[in-house]
Amino acid sequence: MLQTPIIEIDVHGLTADQAIVRIEEKIKCAGAGTYRIRVIHGFHRGSSIQQAIYREIGHGLNPKVLRIVGGDNPGITELILREY
């Protein structure tokens, strides 16, 4: 299990479906010490990935994800696994 407090995953160049598979793998592997997964998807072409994250993982669909928030820029989405 990964014990990093913040896991970053870069999904540039992937389709939305491919990105969701990679993201769900990271969620599954996240250890108790991980509180956030930072998904770097890009701004223009990454918007389809961002929409897929909300559609496939958000709204309580994945029990390990408390909430989803925007990152420091529009090309990043952060999955909050637990409060820091």
C-alpha atoms as a PDB file:
ATOM      1  CA  MET A   1       0.000   0.000   0.000  1.00  0.00           C
ATOM      2  CA  LEU A   2       1.167   3.521  -0.749  1.00  0.00           C
ATOM      3  CA  GLN A   3       1.824   5.604   2.361  1.00  0.00           C
ATOM      4  CA  THR A   4       2.344   8.953   0.645  1.00  0.00           C
ATOM      5  CA  PRO A   5       0.083  11.746   1.997  1.00  0.00           C
ATOM      6  CA  ILE A   6      -0.572  13.093  -1.506  1.00  0.00           C
ATOM      7  CA  ILE A   7      -0.457  10.873  -4.581  1.00  0.00           C
ATOM      8  CA  GLU A   8      -0.076  12.600  -7.951  1.00  0.00           C
ATOM      9  CA  ILE A   9      -1.153  10.948 -11.155  1.00  0.00           C
ATOM     10  CA  ASP A  10      -0.637  12.489 -14.574  1.00  0.00           C
ATOM     11  CA  VAL A  11      -3.227  11.304 -17.093  1.00  0.00           C
ATOM     12  CA  HIS A  12      -2.301  13.590 -20.002  1.00  0.00           C
ATOM     13  CA  GLY A  13      -2.829  11.853 -23.325  1.00  0.00           C
ATOM     14  CA  LEU A  14      -5.177   9.188 -22.007  1.00  0.00           C
ATOM     15  CA  THR A  15      -8.806   8.799 -22.941  1.00  0.00           C
ATOM     16  CA  ALA A  16     -11.344   9.477 -20.203  1.00  0.00           C
ATOM     17  CA  ASP A  17     -11.950   5.726 -19.792  1.00  0.00           C
ATOM     18  CA  GLN A  18      -8.231   4.971 -19.531  1.00  0.00           C
ATOM     19  CA  ALA A  19      -7.777   7.783 -17.013  1.00  0.00           C
ATOM     20  CA  ILE A  20     -10.616   6.531 -14.822  1.00  0.00           C
ATOM     21  CA  VAL A  21      -9.066   3.049 -14.715  1.00  0.00           C
ATOM     22  CA  ARG A  22      -5.690   4.509 -13.644  1.00  0.00           C
ATOM     23  CA  ILE A  23      -7.305   6.776 -11.058  1.00  0.00           C
ATOM     24  CA  GLU A  24      -9.354   3.951  -9.564  1.00  0.00           C
ATOM     25  CA  GLU A  25      -6.174   1.851  -9.298  1.00  0.00           C
ATOM     26  CA  LYS A  26      -4.526   4.652  -7.304  1.00  0.00           C
ATOM     27  CA  ILE A  27      -7.578   4.979  -5.052  1.00  0.00           C
ATOM     28  CA  LYS A  28      -7.558   1.243  -4.397  1.00  0.00           C
ATOM     29  CA  CYS A  29      -3.821   1.241  -3.580  1.00  0.00           C
ATOM     30  CA  ALA A  30      -3.919   4.334  -1.361  1.00  0.00           C
ATOM     31  CA  GLY A  31      -2.957   3.522   2.209  1.00  0.00           C
ATOM     32  CA  ALA A  32      -4.278   4.990   5.429  1.00  0.00           C
ATOM     33  CA  GLY A  33      -1.597   7.686   5.301  1.00  0.00           C
ATOM     34  CA  THR A  34      -2.889   9.058   1.998  1.00  0.00           C
ATOM     35  CA  TYR A  35      -5.428  11.852   2.283  1.00  0.00           C
ATOM     36  CA  ARG A  36      -5.446  13.269  -1.251  1.00  0.00           C
ATOM     37  CA  ILE A  37      -5.003  12.132  -4.845  1.00  0.00           C
ATOM     38  CA  ARG A  38      -4.042  14.916  -7.245  1.00  0.00           C
ATOM     39  CA  VAL A  39      -5.061  14.154 -10.836  1.00  0.00           C
ATOM     40  CA  ILE A  40      -3.221  16.182 -13.463  1.00  0.00           C
ATOM     41  CA  HIS A  41      -5.347  16.044 -16.599  1.00  0.00           C
ATOM     42  CA  GLY A  42      -4.647  19.302 -18.391  1.00  0.00           C
ATOM     43  CA  PHE A  43      -6.953  22.158 -19.177  1.00  0.00           C
ATOM     44  CA  HIS A  44      -8.274  22.014 -22.737  1.00  0.00           C
ATOM     45  CA  ARG A  45      -8.296  18.336 -23.621  1.00  0.00           C
ATOM     46  CA  GLY A  46      -8.403  17.346 -19.958  1.00  0.00           C
ATOM     47  CA  SER A  47     -11.926  18.644 -19.471  1.00  0.00           C
ATOM     48  CA  SER A  48     -13.407  15.324 -20.661  1.00  0.00           C
ATOM     49  CA  ILE A  49     -11.312  13.531 -18.043  1.00  0.00           C
ATOM     50  CA  GLN A  50     -12.418  15.992 -15.385  1.00  0.00           C
ATOM     51  CA  GLN A  51     -16.068  15.430 -16.313  1.00  0.00           C
ATOM     52  CA  ALA A  52     -15.532  11.659 -16.194  1.00  0.00           C
ATOM     53  CA  ILE A  53     -14.011  11.941 -12.705  1.00  0.00           C
ATOM     54  CA  TYR A  54     -17.128  13.668 -11.410  1.00  0.00           C
ATOM     55  CA  ARG A  55     -19.420  11.265 -13.298  1.00  0.00           C
ATOM     56  CA  GLU A  56     -17.647   8.002 -12.400  1.00  0.00           C
ATOM     57  CA  ILE A  57     -16.110   8.691  -8.982  1.00  0.00           C
ATOM     58  CA  GLY A  58     -17.986  11.662  -7.517  1.00  0.00           C
ATOM     59  CA  HIS A  59     -21.325  11.851  -5.752  1.00  0.00           C
ATOM     60  CA  GLY A  60     -20.515   8.976  -3.387  1.00  0.00           C
ATOM     61  CA  LEU A  61     -19.829   6.453  -6.161  1.00  0.00           C
ATOM     62  CA  ASN A  62     -16.478   5.487  -4.638  1.00  0.00           C
ATOM     63  CA  PRO A  63     -16.700   5.011  -0.861  1.00  0.00           C
ATOM     64  CA  LYS A  64     -13.024   5.956  -0.333  1.00  0.00           C
ATOM     65  CA  VAL A  65     -13.525   9.432  -1.860  1.00  0.00           C
ATOM     66  CA  LEU A  66     -15.088  11.971   0.509  1.00  0.00           C
ATOM     67  CA  ARG A  67     -15.258  14.749  -2.043  1.00  0.00           C
ATOM     68  CA  ILE A  68     -13.742  16.128  -5.219  1.00  0.00           C
ATOM     69  CA  VAL A  69     -12.313  19.634  -5.476  1.00  0.00           C
ATOM     70  CA  GLY A  70     -10.572  21.698  -8.109  1.00  0.00           C
ATOM     71  CA  GLY A  71      -6.828  21.994  -7.879  1.00  0.00           C
ATOM     72  CA  ASP A  72      -4.575  25.027  -7.911  1.00  0.00           C
ATOM     73  CA  ASN A  73      -5.250  25.423 -11.638  1.00  0.00           C
ATOM     74  CA  PRO A  74      -8.016  24.249 -14.004  1.00  0.00           C
ATOM     75  CA  GLY A  75      -5.883  21.335 -15.227  1.00  0.00           C
ATOM     76  CA  ILE A  76      -5.916  19.610 -11.836  1.00  0.00           C
ATOM     77  CA  THR A  77      -8.666  17.828  -9.919  1.00  0.00           C
ATOM     78  CA  GLU A  78      -8.120  16.591  -6.380  1.00  0.00           C
ATOM     79  CA  LEU A  79      -9.819  13.633  -4.744  1.00  0.00           C
ATOM     80  CA  ILE A  80     -10.077  14.019  -0.982  1.00  0.00           C
ATOM     81  CA  LEU A  81      -9.876  10.629   0.754  1.00  0.00           C
ATOM     82  CA  ARG A  82      -9.855  11.967   4.298  1.00  0.00           C
ATOM     83  CA  GLU A  83      -9.513  15.310   5.989  1.00  0.00           C
ATOM     84  CA  TYR A  84      -5.970  16.392   6.808  1.00  0.00           C
END
